[in-house]
Amino acid sequence: MNRLDYSVADVARRGVEVNKVLKNTYMLLSATLLFSALAATASVFLQVPHFTNLICFGGAIVLLWFVLPRTANSTTGLWVVFGITGLLGFGLGPMLNAYLQMANGPQLVATALGGTGVIFMGLSGYALTTRKDFSFMGGFLVAGLLVVLVVMLANLFFSLPALSLALSAAVIMLMSGFILYDTSRMIHGGETNYIMMTVSLYLSIYNIFVHLLHLLGAFSGDE
């Protein structure tokens, strides 16, 4: 086999690996989104208290930071992913109940869900179709996320409604960028662990939904 044959074989092998990562990621992402939606629905019907959100968020952070990195290369990681997404979904209950009690609450939630789906499918589809490399966005996205976190912490003390809306818009743009960035990493072989990619994409979708719902509620005049 000459050098050209080796090159062709290597390209073909990488193509198979990329397709496998994409397939596994989107299959697991679909399952976790469904599981998260069921957990959120259960939380809504149970009308859990507001502090449930903090408990669930704290549990998800522990799994995300301390457990997932150690299990991401094993089947145990799958259970951890469902644990993270289930906790985050269940923690949405108090917030969803607050919106559903508004006059147009069901419409707001449905619009936020639909808008989140359109954003994700559009951006992911664009990255898959064009095959553009968005790796250059990595540094900018991380820096932007750090700035947003710092401003969010500051706004806990100032409680400025206009700043809160601006932060929600910024989070939506950043998470949209992360969808492009993560999809590009899968396409170009920058990430081969579908468990880690599933969690990353889920967090982007989760944050887009939460902050899009916040914006819709604010502009509807009900917040």
N, C-alpha and C. Protein backbone atom coordinates (compact mmCIF):
# COMPACT_ATOMS: atom_id res chain seq x y z
N MET A 1 0.85 -1.20 0.00
CA MET A 1 0.00 0.00 0.00
C MET A 1 0.88 1.24 0.00
N ASN A 2 0.66 2.14 -0.98
CA ASN A 2 1.49 3.34 -1.05
C ASN A 2 0.97 4.43 -0.12
N ARG A 3 1.69 5.57 -0.13
CA ARG A 3 1.35 6.66 0.79
C ARG A 3 -0.05 7.20 0.52
N LEU A 4 -0.45 7.27 -0.76
CA LEU A 4 -1.77 7.77 -1.10
C LEU A 4 -2.85 6.86 -0.54
N ASP A 5 -2.63 5.54 -0.65
CA ASP A 5 -3.61 4.59 -0.12
C ASP A 5 -3.77 4.74 1.39
N TYR A 6 -2.64 4.94 2.08
CA TYR A 6 -2.70 5.14 3.53
C TYR A 6 -3.48 6.40 3.88
N SER A 7 -3.28 7.46 3.08
CA SER A 7 -3.97 8.72 3.33
C SER A 7 -5.47 8.57 3.14
N VAL A 8 -5.86 7.89 2.06
CA VAL A 8 -7.28 7.67 1.79
C VAL A 8 -7.92 6.83 2.89
N ALA A 9 -7.20 5.80 3.31
CA ALA A 9 -7.72 4.93 4.37
C ALA A 9 -7.86 5.69 5.67
N ASP A 10 -6.90 6.58 5.96
CA ASP A 10 -6.95 7.36 7.19
C ASP A 10 -8.13 8.33 7.18
N VAL A 11 -8.36 8.96 6.03
CA VAL A 11 -9.50 9.88 5.90
C VAL A 11 -10.81 9.12 6.08
N ALA A 12 -10.89 7.94 5.48
CA ALA A 12 -12.11 7.14 5.60
C ALA A 12 -12.35 6.71 7.05
N ARG A 13 -11.25 6.33 7.73
CA ARG A 13 -11.37 5.91 9.13
C ARG A 13 -11.85 7.07 10.00
N ARG A 14 -11.28 8.26 9.78
CA ARG A 14 -11.70 9.43 10.56
C ARG A 14 -13.17 9.77 10.28
N GLY A 15 -13.58 9.60 9.02
CA GLY A 15 -14.97 9.87 8.67
C GLY A 15 -15.93 8.94 9.40
N VAL A 16 -15.55 7.67 9.50
CA VAL A 16 -16.39 6.70 10.22
C VAL A 16 -16.46 7.05 11.70
N GLU A 17 -15.34 7.45 12.29
CA GLU A 17 -15.30 7.81 13.71
C GLU A 17 -16.15 9.05 13.99
N VAL A 18 -16.06 10.04 13.10
CA VAL A 18 -16.84 11.27 13.27
C VAL A 18 -18.33 10.96 13.20
N ASN A 19 -18.74 10.16 12.21
CA ASN A 19 -20.14 9.81 12.07
C ASN A 19 -20.65 9.04 13.29
N LYS A 20 -19.79 8.19 13.86
CA LYS A 20 -20.18 7.43 15.04
C LYS A 20 -20.39 8.35 16.24
N VAL A 21 -19.48 9.32 16.42
CA VAL A 21 -19.61 10.28 17.51
C VAL A 21 -20.88 11.11 17.35
N LEU A 22 -21.14 11.58 16.14
CA LEU A 22 -22.34 12.37 15.88
C LEU A 22 -23.60 11.57 16.17
N LYS A 23 -23.64 10.34 15.67
CA LYS A 23 -24.82 9.50 15.86
C LYS A 23 -25.07 9.23 17.35
N ASN A 24 -24.02 8.82 18.06
CA ASN A 24 -24.17 8.51 19.48
C ASN A 24 -24.54 9.75 20.29
N THR A 25 -23.96 10.88 19.93
CA THR A 25 -24.25 12.12 20.66
C THR A 25 -25.70 12.53 20.51
N TYR A 26 -26.20 12.54 19.29
CA TYR A 26 -27.57 12.99 19.07
C TYR A 26 -28.60 11.99 19.60
N MET A 27 -28.25 10.69 19.58
CA MET A 27 -29.16 9.70 20.17
C MET A 27 -29.24 9.88 21.68
N LEU A 28 -28.09 10.04 22.33
CA LEU A 28 -28.08 10.23 23.78
C LEU A 28 -28.69 11.57 24.15
N LEU A 29 -28.43 12.60 23.36
CA LEU A 29 -29.00 13.92 23.63
C LEU A 29 -30.52 13.87 23.56
N SER A 30 -31.06 13.19 22.56
CA SER A 30 -32.52 13.06 22.44
C SER A 30 -33.11 12.36 23.66
N ALA A 31 -32.43 11.28 24.11
CA ALA A 31 -32.92 10.53 25.27
C ALA A 31 -32.87 11.38 26.54
N THR A 32 -31.80 12.13 26.71
CA THR A 32 -31.68 12.94 27.93
C THR A 32 -32.64 14.12 27.93
N LEU A 33 -32.90 14.69 26.76
CA LEU A 33 -33.87 15.77 26.68
C LEU A 33 -35.27 15.27 27.03
N LEU A 34 -35.61 14.09 26.54
CA LEU A 34 -36.90 13.49 26.86
C LEU A 34 -37.00 13.20 28.37
N PHE A 35 -35.93 12.63 28.92
CA PHE A 35 -35.91 12.31 30.34
C PHE A 35 -36.01 13.58 31.18
N SER A 36 -35.30 14.61 30.77
CA SER A 36 -35.34 15.89 31.47
C SER A 36 -36.73 16.51 31.40
N ALA A 37 -37.38 16.39 30.25
CA ALA A 37 -38.74 16.92 30.09
C ALA A 37 -39.72 16.18 31.00
N LEU A 38 -39.56 14.86 31.11
CA LEU A 38 -40.43 14.07 31.98
C LEU A 38 -40.20 14.45 33.45
N ALA A 39 -38.93 14.68 33.81
CA ALA A 39 -38.61 15.09 35.18
C ALA A 39 -39.22 16.46 35.48
N ALA A 40 -39.14 17.38 34.52
CA ALA A 40 -39.72 18.72 34.70
C ALA A 40 -41.24 18.63 34.83
N THR A 41 -41.86 17.78 34.02
CA THR A 41 -43.31 17.61 34.09
C THR A 41 -43.73 17.07 35.46
N ALA A 42 -42.98 16.08 35.95
CA ALA A 42 -43.27 15.52 37.27
C ALA A 42 -43.13 16.59 38.35
N SER A 43 -42.10 17.42 38.22
CA SER A 43 -41.86 18.48 39.19
C SER A 43 -42.99 19.50 39.19
N VAL A 44 -43.50 19.80 38.00
CA VAL A 44 -44.62 20.75 37.88
C VAL A 44 -45.86 20.19 38.56
N PHE A 45 -46.19 18.93 38.29
CA PHE A 45 -47.39 18.34 38.87
C PHE A 45 -47.28 18.17 40.39
N LEU A 46 -46.06 17.91 40.85
CA LEU A 46 -45.86 17.75 42.29
C LEU A 46 -45.81 19.10 43.02
N GLN A 47 -45.64 20.18 42.22
CA GLN A 47 -45.56 21.54 42.77
C GLN A 47 -44.52 21.62 43.90
N VAL A 48 -43.32 21.22 43.56
CA VAL A 48 -42.23 21.20 44.54
C VAL A 48 -41.88 22.64 44.95
N PRO A 49 -41.39 22.83 46.17
CA PRO A 49 -41.05 24.18 46.64
C PRO A 49 -39.87 24.79 45.89
N HIS A 50 -39.70 26.09 46.04
CA HIS A 50 -38.70 26.83 45.27
C HIS A 50 -37.27 26.38 45.57
N PHE A 51 -36.99 25.98 46.81
CA PHE A 51 -35.62 25.59 47.13
C PHE A 51 -35.19 24.30 46.44
N THR A 52 -36.17 23.60 45.84
CA THR A 52 -35.84 22.37 45.10
C THR A 52 -34.87 22.67 43.97
N ASN A 53 -35.05 23.84 43.36
CA ASN A 53 -34.18 24.22 42.25
C ASN A 53 -32.73 24.29 42.69
N LEU A 54 -32.48 24.89 43.86
CA LEU A 54 -31.11 25.01 44.36
C LEU A 54 -30.52 23.65 44.69
N ILE A 55 -31.32 22.77 45.29
CA ILE A 55 -30.84 21.44 45.63
C ILE A 55 -30.49 20.64 44.38
N CYS A 56 -31.39 20.68 43.40
CA CYS A 56 -31.16 19.96 42.15
C CYS A 56 -29.95 20.51 41.40
N PHE A 57 -29.85 21.84 41.37
CA PHE A 57 -28.73 22.47 40.68
C PHE A 57 -27.41 22.10 41.36
N GLY A 58 -27.41 22.12 42.69
CA GLY A 58 -26.21 21.75 43.42
C GLY A 58 -25.81 20.30 43.16
N GLY A 59 -26.80 19.41 43.15
CA GLY A 59 -26.52 18.00 42.86
C GLY A 59 -25.98 17.80 41.46
N ALA A 60 -26.55 18.53 40.50
CA ALA A 60 -26.08 18.42 39.12
C ALA A 60 -24.64 18.93 38.98
N ILE A 61 -24.31 20.01 39.70
CA ILE A 61 -22.95 20.56 39.66
C ILE A 61 -21.95 19.55 40.21
N VAL A 62 -22.32 18.89 41.31
CA VAL A 62 -21.43 17.88 41.90
C VAL A 62 -21.17 16.75 40.91
N LEU A 63 -22.22 16.27 40.27
CA LEU A 63 -22.06 15.20 39.27
C LEU A 63 -21.23 15.69 38.08
N LEU A 64 -21.49 16.91 37.66
CA LEU A 64 -20.83 17.46 36.48
C LEU A 64 -19.33 17.68 36.71
N TRP A 65 -18.98 18.23 37.85
CA TRP A 65 -17.59 18.59 38.11
C TRP A 65 -16.75 17.45 38.68
N PHE A 66 -17.35 16.60 39.52
CA PHE A 66 -16.55 15.63 40.26
C PHE A 66 -16.75 14.18 39.84
N VAL A 67 -17.91 13.87 39.27
CA VAL A 67 -18.19 12.47 38.92
C VAL A 67 -18.04 12.21 37.42
N LEU A 68 -18.60 13.09 36.60
CA LEU A 68 -18.57 12.87 35.15
C LEU A 68 -17.16 12.74 34.58
N PRO A 69 -16.19 13.61 34.96
CA PRO A 69 -14.84 13.47 34.40
C PRO A 69 -14.20 12.11 34.66
N ARG A 70 -14.60 11.44 35.74
CA ARG A 70 -14.03 10.14 36.08
C ARG A 70 -14.76 8.98 35.43
N THR A 71 -15.94 9.23 34.93
CA THR A 71 -16.76 8.15 34.39
C THR A 71 -17.10 8.32 32.91
N ALA A 72 -16.62 9.39 32.30
CA ALA A 72 -17.02 9.72 30.92
C ALA A 72 -16.59 8.68 29.90
N ASN A 73 -15.61 7.86 30.24
CA ASN A 73 -15.12 6.84 29.31
C ASN A 73 -15.64 5.45 29.64
N SER A 74 -16.70 5.38 30.44
CA SER A 74 -17.27 4.08 30.80
C SER A 74 -18.79 4.15 30.70
N THR A 75 -19.44 2.99 30.81
CA THR A 75 -20.90 2.97 30.74
C THR A 75 -21.52 3.66 31.95
N THR A 76 -20.76 3.74 33.05
CA THR A 76 -21.26 4.45 34.23
C THR A 76 -21.55 5.91 33.90
N GLY A 77 -20.78 6.46 32.95
CA GLY A 77 -20.97 7.84 32.55
C GLY A 77 -22.36 8.09 32.00
N LEU A 78 -22.97 7.08 31.40
CA LEU A 78 -24.33 7.24 30.87
C LEU A 78 -25.32 7.51 31.99
N TRP A 79 -25.17 6.77 33.09
CA TRP A 79 -26.05 6.99 34.25
C TRP A 79 -25.82 8.38 34.85
N VAL A 80 -24.56 8.82 34.84
CA VAL A 80 -24.25 10.14 35.37
C VAL A 80 -24.91 11.22 34.52
N VAL A 81 -24.88 11.04 33.20
CA VAL A 81 -25.51 12.01 32.29
C VAL A 81 -27.00 12.11 32.58
N PHE A 82 -27.65 10.96 32.75
CA PHE A 82 -29.09 10.99 33.05
C PHE A 82 -29.35 11.58 34.43
N GLY A 83 -28.40 11.38 35.36
CA GLY A 83 -28.52 12.01 36.67
C GLY A 83 -28.47 13.52 36.58
N ILE A 84 -27.51 14.03 35.80
CA ILE A 84 -27.35 15.48 35.63
C ILE A 84 -28.58 16.09 34.97
N THR A 85 -28.98 15.51 33.85
CA THR A 85 -30.10 16.08 33.10
C THR A 85 -31.43 15.90 33.83
N GLY A 86 -31.57 14.78 34.57
CA GLY A 86 -32.78 14.58 35.36
C GLY A 86 -32.91 15.60 36.48
N LEU A 87 -31.81 15.85 37.17
CA LEU A 87 -31.81 16.83 38.25
C LEU A 87 -32.12 18.23 37.73
N LEU A 88 -31.47 18.61 36.63
CA LEU A 88 -31.72 19.94 36.07
C LEU A 88 -33.16 20.08 35.59
N GLY A 89 -33.67 19.02 34.99
CA GLY A 89 -35.06 19.06 34.54
C GLY A 89 -36.03 19.17 35.71
N PHE A 90 -35.82 18.37 36.75
CA PHE A 90 -36.70 18.40 37.92
C PHE A 90 -36.63 19.76 38.61
N GLY A 91 -35.45 20.36 38.59
CA GLY A 91 -35.29 21.67 39.22
C GLY A 91 -36.00 22.80 38.50
N LEU A 92 -36.44 22.55 37.27
CA LEU A 92 -37.18 23.58 36.53
C LEU A 92 -38.62 23.74 37.01
N GLY A 93 -39.10 22.78 37.78
CA GLY A 93 -40.50 22.78 38.19
C GLY A 93 -41.00 24.08 38.80
N PRO A 94 -40.33 24.59 39.84
CA PRO A 94 -40.82 25.83 40.47
C PRO A 94 -40.87 27.01 39.49
N MET A 95 -39.86 27.14 38.62
CA MET A 95 -39.85 28.23 37.66
C MET A 95 -40.99 28.06 36.65
N LEU A 96 -41.18 26.84 36.16
CA LEU A 96 -42.24 26.59 35.19
C LEU A 96 -43.61 26.85 35.81
N ASN A 97 -43.80 26.45 37.06
CA ASN A 97 -45.07 26.71 37.73
C ASN A 97 -45.36 28.20 37.84
N ALA A 98 -44.31 28.98 38.10
CA ALA A 98 -44.48 30.43 38.21
C ALA A 98 -44.95 31.02 36.89
N TYR A 99 -44.38 30.54 35.78
CA TYR A 99 -44.79 31.05 34.47
C TYR A 99 -46.17 30.52 34.07
N LEU A 100 -46.44 29.27 34.40
CA LEU A 100 -47.72 28.67 34.01
C LEU A 100 -48.90 29.31 34.73
N GLN A 101 -48.65 29.97 35.84
CA GLN A 101 -49.72 30.66 36.56
C GLN A 101 -50.07 32.00 35.95
N MET A 102 -49.25 32.48 35.00
CA MET A 102 -49.56 33.73 34.31
C MET A 102 -50.70 33.52 33.32
N ALA A 103 -51.32 34.60 32.91
CA ALA A 103 -52.45 34.51 31.98
C ALA A 103 -52.08 33.81 30.69
N ASN A 104 -50.88 34.15 30.16
CA ASN A 104 -50.43 33.53 28.91
C ASN A 104 -49.24 32.61 29.16
N GLY A 105 -49.17 32.07 30.37
CA GLY A 105 -48.05 31.23 30.75
C GLY A 105 -47.80 30.03 29.85
N PRO A 106 -48.84 29.21 29.56
CA PRO A 106 -48.62 28.06 28.69
C PRO A 106 -48.06 28.44 27.32
N GLN A 107 -48.55 29.56 26.78
CA GLN A 107 -48.04 30.02 25.48
C GLN A 107 -46.58 30.43 25.56
N LEU A 108 -46.21 31.08 26.68
CA LEU A 108 -44.82 31.49 26.86
C LEU A 108 -43.89 30.29 26.92
N VAL A 109 -44.29 29.28 27.70
CA VAL A 109 -43.46 28.09 27.83
C VAL A 109 -43.34 27.36 26.49
N ALA A 110 -44.48 27.25 25.79
CA ALA A 110 -44.46 26.57 24.49
C ALA A 110 -43.60 27.34 23.48
N THR A 111 -43.69 28.66 23.51
CA THR A 111 -42.89 29.48 22.59
C THR A 111 -41.40 29.35 22.90
N ALA A 112 -41.07 29.32 24.19
CA ALA A 112 -39.66 29.15 24.59
C ALA A 112 -39.13 27.79 24.15
N LEU A 113 -39.95 26.76 24.31
CA LEU A 113 -39.55 25.42 23.87
C LEU A 113 -39.34 25.38 22.35
N GLY A 114 -40.32 25.94 21.64
CA GLY A 114 -40.21 25.96 20.19
C GLY A 114 -39.03 26.78 19.71
N GLY A 115 -38.83 27.95 20.33
CA GLY A 115 -37.70 28.80 19.95
C GLY A 115 -36.37 28.14 20.22
N THR A 116 -36.27 27.44 21.36
CA THR A 116 -35.04 26.73 21.68
C THR A 116 -34.76 25.64 20.65
N GLY A 117 -35.82 24.91 20.28
CA GLY A 117 -35.65 23.87 19.27
C GLY A 117 -35.20 24.43 17.93
N VAL A 118 -35.79 25.54 17.53
CA VAL A 118 -35.41 26.17 16.26
C VAL A 118 -33.96 26.63 16.29
N ILE A 119 -33.55 27.25 17.40
CA ILE A 119 -32.17 27.73 17.52
C ILE A 119 -31.19 26.57 17.43
N PHE A 120 -31.46 25.51 18.20
CA PHE A 120 -30.54 24.37 18.20
C PHE A 120 -30.48 23.68 16.84
N MET A 121 -31.63 23.37 16.28
CA MET A 121 -31.66 22.67 14.99
C MET A 121 -31.04 23.52 13.89
N GLY A 122 -31.32 24.83 13.92
CA GLY A 122 -30.77 25.71 12.90
C GLY A 122 -29.26 25.81 12.96
N LEU A 123 -28.72 26.03 14.16
CA LEU A 123 -27.27 26.19 14.31
C LEU A 123 -26.54 24.87 14.09
N SER A 124 -27.06 23.80 14.68
CA SER A 124 -26.44 22.50 14.51
C SER A 124 -26.49 22.06 13.05
N GLY A 125 -27.64 22.29 12.41
CA GLY A 125 -27.77 21.94 11.00
C GLY A 125 -26.83 22.74 10.12
N TYR A 126 -26.66 24.02 10.47
CA TYR A 126 -25.74 24.87 9.70
C TYR A 126 -24.31 24.35 9.81
N ALA A 127 -23.89 24.01 11.03
CA ALA A 127 -22.53 23.51 11.22
C ALA A 127 -22.34 22.18 10.50
N LEU A 128 -23.33 21.31 10.55
CA LEU A 128 -23.22 20.00 9.89
C LEU A 128 -23.22 20.13 8.38
N THR A 129 -24.00 21.07 7.87
CA THR A 129 -24.11 21.23 6.42
C THR A 129 -22.89 21.92 5.82
N THR A 130 -22.45 22.99 6.43
CA THR A 130 -21.34 23.76 5.87
C THR A 130 -19.98 23.15 6.20
N ARG A 131 -19.92 22.36 7.31
CA ARG A 131 -18.66 21.75 7.76
C ARG A 131 -17.59 22.79 8.08
N LYS A 132 -18.02 24.00 8.44
CA LYS A 132 -17.05 25.03 8.78
C LYS A 132 -16.41 24.73 10.13
N ASP A 133 -15.18 25.19 10.28
CA ASP A 133 -14.45 24.99 11.52
C ASP A 133 -14.64 26.21 12.42
N PHE A 134 -15.35 26.02 13.52
CA PHE A 134 -15.62 27.12 14.45
C PHE A 134 -14.74 27.04 15.69
N SER A 135 -13.61 26.34 15.58
CA SER A 135 -12.73 26.20 16.74
C SER A 135 -12.15 27.54 17.20
N PHE A 136 -12.09 28.51 16.29
CA PHE A 136 -11.55 29.82 16.63
C PHE A 136 -12.41 30.54 17.66
N MET A 137 -13.65 30.08 17.86
CA MET A 137 -14.56 30.75 18.78
C MET A 137 -14.33 30.35 20.24
N GLY A 138 -13.53 29.30 20.46
CA GLY A 138 -13.37 28.75 21.80
C GLY A 138 -12.95 29.77 22.84
N GLY A 139 -11.87 30.48 22.59
CA GLY A 139 -11.36 31.46 23.55
C GLY A 139 -12.35 32.57 23.82
N PHE A 140 -12.98 33.06 22.77
CA PHE A 140 -13.96 34.14 22.91
C PHE A 140 -15.15 33.69 23.75
N LEU A 141 -15.63 32.46 23.50
CA LEU A 141 -16.80 31.96 24.23
C LEU A 141 -16.49 31.78 25.72
N VAL A 142 -15.33 31.22 26.02
CA VAL A 142 -14.96 31.03 27.43
C VAL A 142 -14.82 32.38 28.14
N ALA A 143 -14.16 33.34 27.47
CA ALA A 143 -14.01 34.67 28.05
C ALA A 143 -15.36 35.33 28.26
N GLY A 144 -16.24 35.22 27.27
CA GLY A 144 -17.57 35.80 27.39
C GLY A 144 -18.37 35.17 28.51
N LEU A 145 -18.22 33.86 28.68
CA LEU A 145 -18.94 33.17 29.75
C LEU A 145 -18.47 33.63 31.12
N LEU A 146 -17.17 33.81 31.26
CA LEU A 146 -16.63 34.29 32.54
C LEU A 146 -17.14 35.69 32.86
N VAL A 147 -17.18 36.56 31.85
CA VAL A 147 -17.69 37.92 32.06
C VAL A 147 -19.15 37.88 32.48
N VAL A 148 -19.95 37.05 31.81
CA VAL A 148 -21.37 36.94 32.14
C VAL A 148 -21.57 36.44 33.57
N LEU A 149 -20.77 35.45 33.99
CA LEU A 149 -20.88 34.92 35.35
C LEU A 149 -20.55 35.99 36.39
N VAL A 150 -19.52 36.77 36.12
CA VAL A 150 -19.14 37.84 37.05
C VAL A 150 -20.25 38.89 37.15
N VAL A 151 -20.81 39.28 36.02
CA VAL A 151 -21.88 40.29 36.01
C VAL A 151 -23.13 39.74 36.68
N MET A 152 -23.40 38.44 36.48
CA MET A 152 -24.56 37.83 37.14
C MET A 152 -24.42 37.88 38.65
N LEU A 153 -23.23 37.58 39.12
CA LEU A 153 -22.99 37.63 40.56
C LEU A 153 -23.16 39.06 41.09
N ALA A 154 -22.65 40.02 40.32
CA ALA A 154 -22.79 41.42 40.73
C ALA A 154 -24.26 41.85 40.76
N ASN A 155 -25.02 41.35 39.81
CA ASN A 155 -26.43 41.74 39.73
C ASN A 155 -27.27 41.14 40.84
N LEU A 156 -26.74 40.14 41.53
CA LEU A 156 -27.44 39.60 42.69
C LEU A 156 -27.59 40.66 43.77
N PHE A 157 -26.63 41.58 43.81
CA PHE A 157 -26.65 42.64 44.81
C PHE A 157 -27.40 43.88 44.33
N PHE A 158 -27.31 44.15 43.00
CA PHE A 158 -27.93 45.37 42.47
C PHE A 158 -29.36 45.14 41.99
N SER A 159 -29.65 43.93 41.51
CA SER A 159 -31.00 43.57 41.05
C SER A 159 -31.56 44.56 40.04
N LEU A 160 -30.81 44.80 38.98
CA LEU A 160 -31.25 45.72 37.93
C LEU A 160 -32.00 44.95 36.85
N PRO A 161 -33.29 45.21 36.65
CA PRO A 161 -34.07 44.47 35.64
C PRO A 161 -33.48 44.57 34.24
N ALA A 162 -33.05 45.75 33.84
CA ALA A 162 -32.50 45.92 32.49
C ALA A 162 -31.23 45.09 32.31
N LEU A 163 -30.39 45.06 33.34
CA LEU A 163 -29.16 44.27 33.28
C LEU A 163 -29.48 42.78 33.23
N SER A 164 -30.51 42.37 33.94
CA SER A 164 -30.92 40.98 33.93
C SER A 164 -31.36 40.55 32.53
N LEU A 165 -32.09 41.42 31.84
CA LEU A 165 -32.51 41.12 30.47
C LEU A 165 -31.32 41.05 29.53
N ALA A 166 -30.39 41.99 29.70
CA ALA A 166 -29.19 42.00 28.86
C ALA A 166 -28.37 40.74 29.08
N LEU A 167 -28.31 40.28 30.32
CA LEU A 167 -27.57 39.06 30.63
C LEU A 167 -28.23 37.84 29.98
N SER A 168 -29.55 37.79 30.01
CA SER A 168 -30.26 36.68 29.37
C SER A 168 -29.99 36.65 27.88
N ALA A 169 -30.01 37.82 27.25
CA ALA A 169 -29.71 37.89 25.82
C ALA A 169 -28.27 37.45 25.55
N ALA A 170 -27.35 37.86 26.42
CA ALA A 170 -25.94 37.48 26.26
C ALA A 170 -25.75 35.97 26.40
N VAL A 171 -26.46 35.38 27.38
CA VAL A 171 -26.36 33.93 27.58
C VAL A 171 -26.87 33.18 26.36
N ILE A 172 -27.98 33.63 25.80
CA ILE A 172 -28.53 32.98 24.60
C ILE A 172 -27.52 33.03 23.45
N MET A 173 -26.88 34.18 23.26
CA MET A 173 -25.89 34.30 22.19
C MET A 173 -24.67 33.42 22.46
N LEU A 174 -24.22 33.39 23.71
CA LEU A 174 -23.06 32.56 24.05
C LEU A 174 -23.36 31.08 23.88
N MET A 175 -24.52 30.64 24.34
CA MET A 175 -24.89 29.23 24.21
C MET A 175 -25.08 28.85 22.74
N SER A 176 -25.57 29.79 21.94
CA SER A 176 -25.68 29.54 20.50
C SER A 176 -24.30 29.34 19.89
N GLY A 177 -23.35 30.17 20.35
CA GLY A 177 -21.98 30.01 19.89
C GLY A 177 -21.39 28.68 20.31
N PHE A 178 -21.71 28.23 21.53
CA PHE A 178 -21.21 26.94 21.99
C PHE A 178 -21.78 25.79 21.18
N ILE A 179 -23.02 25.91 20.71
CA ILE A 179 -23.61 24.87 19.86
C ILE A 179 -22.80 24.75 18.56
N LEU A 180 -22.50 25.89 17.95
CA LEU A 180 -21.67 25.87 16.74
C LEU A 180 -20.29 25.28 17.03
N TYR A 181 -19.70 25.74 18.11
CA TYR A 181 -18.35 25.31 18.50
C TYR A 181 -18.29 23.81 18.78
N ASP A 182 -19.25 23.31 19.56
CA ASP A 182 -19.25 21.89 19.92
C ASP A 182 -19.55 21.00 18.72
N THR A 183 -20.50 21.41 17.90
CA THR A 183 -20.80 20.63 16.70
C THR A 183 -19.60 20.59 15.78
N SER A 184 -18.91 21.71 15.64
CA SER A 184 -17.70 21.77 14.82
C SER A 184 -16.61 20.86 15.36
N ARG A 185 -16.48 20.81 16.69
CA ARG A 185 -15.47 19.94 17.29
C ARG A 185 -15.74 18.48 16.96
N MET A 186 -16.99 18.08 16.96
CA MET A 186 -17.32 16.70 16.60
C MET A 186 -17.01 16.42 15.14
N ILE A 187 -17.36 17.35 14.28
CA ILE A 187 -17.16 17.17 12.84
C ILE A 187 -15.69 17.05 12.49
N HIS A 188 -14.86 17.86 13.14
CA HIS A 188 -13.44 17.92 12.80
C HIS A 188 -12.55 17.10 13.73
N GLY A 189 -13.17 16.26 14.54
CA GLY A 189 -12.39 15.35 15.37
C GLY A 189 -11.79 15.95 16.62
N GLY A 190 -12.21 17.14 17.00
CA GLY A 190 -11.67 17.77 18.19
C GLY A 190 -12.18 17.15 19.47
N GLU A 191 -13.32 16.46 19.39
CA GLU A 191 -13.88 15.77 20.56
C GLU A 191 -14.48 14.44 20.09
N THR A 192 -14.05 13.36 20.71
CA THR A 192 -14.51 12.04 20.31
C THR A 192 -15.33 11.35 21.40
N ASN A 193 -15.52 12.01 22.54
CA ASN A 193 -16.29 11.41 23.63
C ASN A 193 -17.73 11.91 23.55
N TYR A 194 -18.63 11.02 23.13
CA TYR A 194 -20.01 11.45 22.90
C TYR A 194 -20.74 11.76 24.21
N ILE A 195 -20.29 11.19 25.31
CA ILE A 195 -20.91 11.49 26.60
C ILE A 195 -20.66 12.95 26.99
N MET A 196 -19.40 13.38 26.85
CA MET A 196 -19.07 14.76 27.17
C MET A 196 -19.76 15.73 26.21
N MET A 197 -19.84 15.35 24.94
CA MET A 197 -20.49 16.23 23.97
C MET A 197 -21.99 16.34 24.25
N THR A 198 -22.61 15.24 24.68
CA THR A 198 -24.03 15.28 25.01
C THR A 198 -24.30 16.26 26.14
N VAL A 199 -23.50 16.19 27.19
CA VAL A 199 -23.67 17.09 28.34
C VAL A 199 -23.47 18.54 27.92
N SER A 200 -22.45 18.79 27.11
CA SER A 200 -22.16 20.14 26.68
C SER A 200 -23.32 20.73 25.87
N LEU A 201 -23.84 19.95 24.92
CA LEU A 201 -24.95 20.42 24.10
C LEU A 201 -26.22 20.57 24.94
N TYR A 202 -26.44 19.64 25.86
CA TYR A 202 -27.61 19.74 26.73
C TYR A 202 -27.59 21.03 27.54
N LEU A 203 -26.43 21.35 28.11
CA LEU A 203 -26.33 22.57 28.92
C LEU A 203 -26.60 23.81 28.08
N SER A 204 -26.16 23.80 26.83
CA SER A 204 -26.44 24.93 25.95
C SER A 204 -27.94 25.06 25.70
N ILE A 205 -28.59 23.94 25.41
CA ILE A 205 -30.03 23.94 25.17
C ILE A 205 -30.79 24.37 26.42
N TYR A 206 -30.38 23.83 27.55
CA TYR A 206 -31.02 24.15 28.84
C TYR A 206 -30.96 25.65 29.12
N ASN A 207 -29.79 26.23 28.96
CA ASN A 207 -29.62 27.66 29.25
C ASN A 207 -30.35 28.54 28.25
N ILE A 208 -30.39 28.14 27.00
CA ILE A 208 -31.15 28.90 26.00
C ILE A 208 -32.63 28.92 26.38
N PHE A 209 -33.16 27.76 26.75
CA PHE A 209 -34.58 27.68 27.12
C PHE A 209 -34.89 28.57 28.32
N VAL A 210 -34.09 28.45 29.38
CA VAL A 210 -34.34 29.21 30.60
C VAL A 210 -34.31 30.72 30.35
N HIS A 211 -33.30 31.16 29.62
CA HIS A 211 -33.14 32.61 29.42
C HIS A 211 -34.07 33.14 28.34
N LEU A 212 -34.42 32.31 27.37
CA LEU A 212 -35.40 32.73 26.38
C LEU A 212 -36.77 32.88 27.04
N LEU A 213 -37.10 31.98 27.96
CA LEU A 213 -38.36 32.09 28.70
C LEU A 213 -38.38 33.36 29.54
N HIS A 214 -37.24 33.69 30.13
CA HIS A 214 -37.14 34.93 30.92
C HIS A 214 -37.41 36.15 30.05
N LEU A 215 -36.80 36.19 28.88
CA LEU A 215 -37.00 37.32 27.97
C LEU A 215 -38.45 37.41 27.50
N LEU A 216 -39.02 36.28 27.13
CA LEU A 216 -40.40 36.27 26.65
C LEU A 216 -41.35 36.74 27.75
N GLY A 217 -41.10 36.27 28.98
CA GLY A 217 -41.95 36.68 30.08
C GLY A 217 -41.84 38.18 30.36
N ALA A 218 -40.63 38.70 30.25
CA ALA A 218 -40.41 40.13 30.52
C ALA A 218 -41.08 41.00 29.45
N PHE A 219 -40.93 40.61 28.18
CA PHE A 219 -41.48 41.43 27.10
C PHE A 219 -42.99 41.24 26.93
N SER A 220 -43.52 40.19 27.56
CA SER A 220 -44.97 40.01 27.49
C SER A 220 -45.69 40.91 28.50
N GLY A 221 -44.88 41.53 29.39
CA GLY A 221 -45.45 42.42 30.38
C GLY A 221 -45.96 41.74 31.62
N ASP A 222 -45.67 40.43 31.76
CA ASP A 222 -46.17 39.68 32.91
C ASP A 222 -45.13 39.50 33.99
N GLU A 223 -43.92 40.01 33.78
CA GLU A 223 -42.89 39.86 34.80
C GLU A 223 -42.63 41.20 35.48
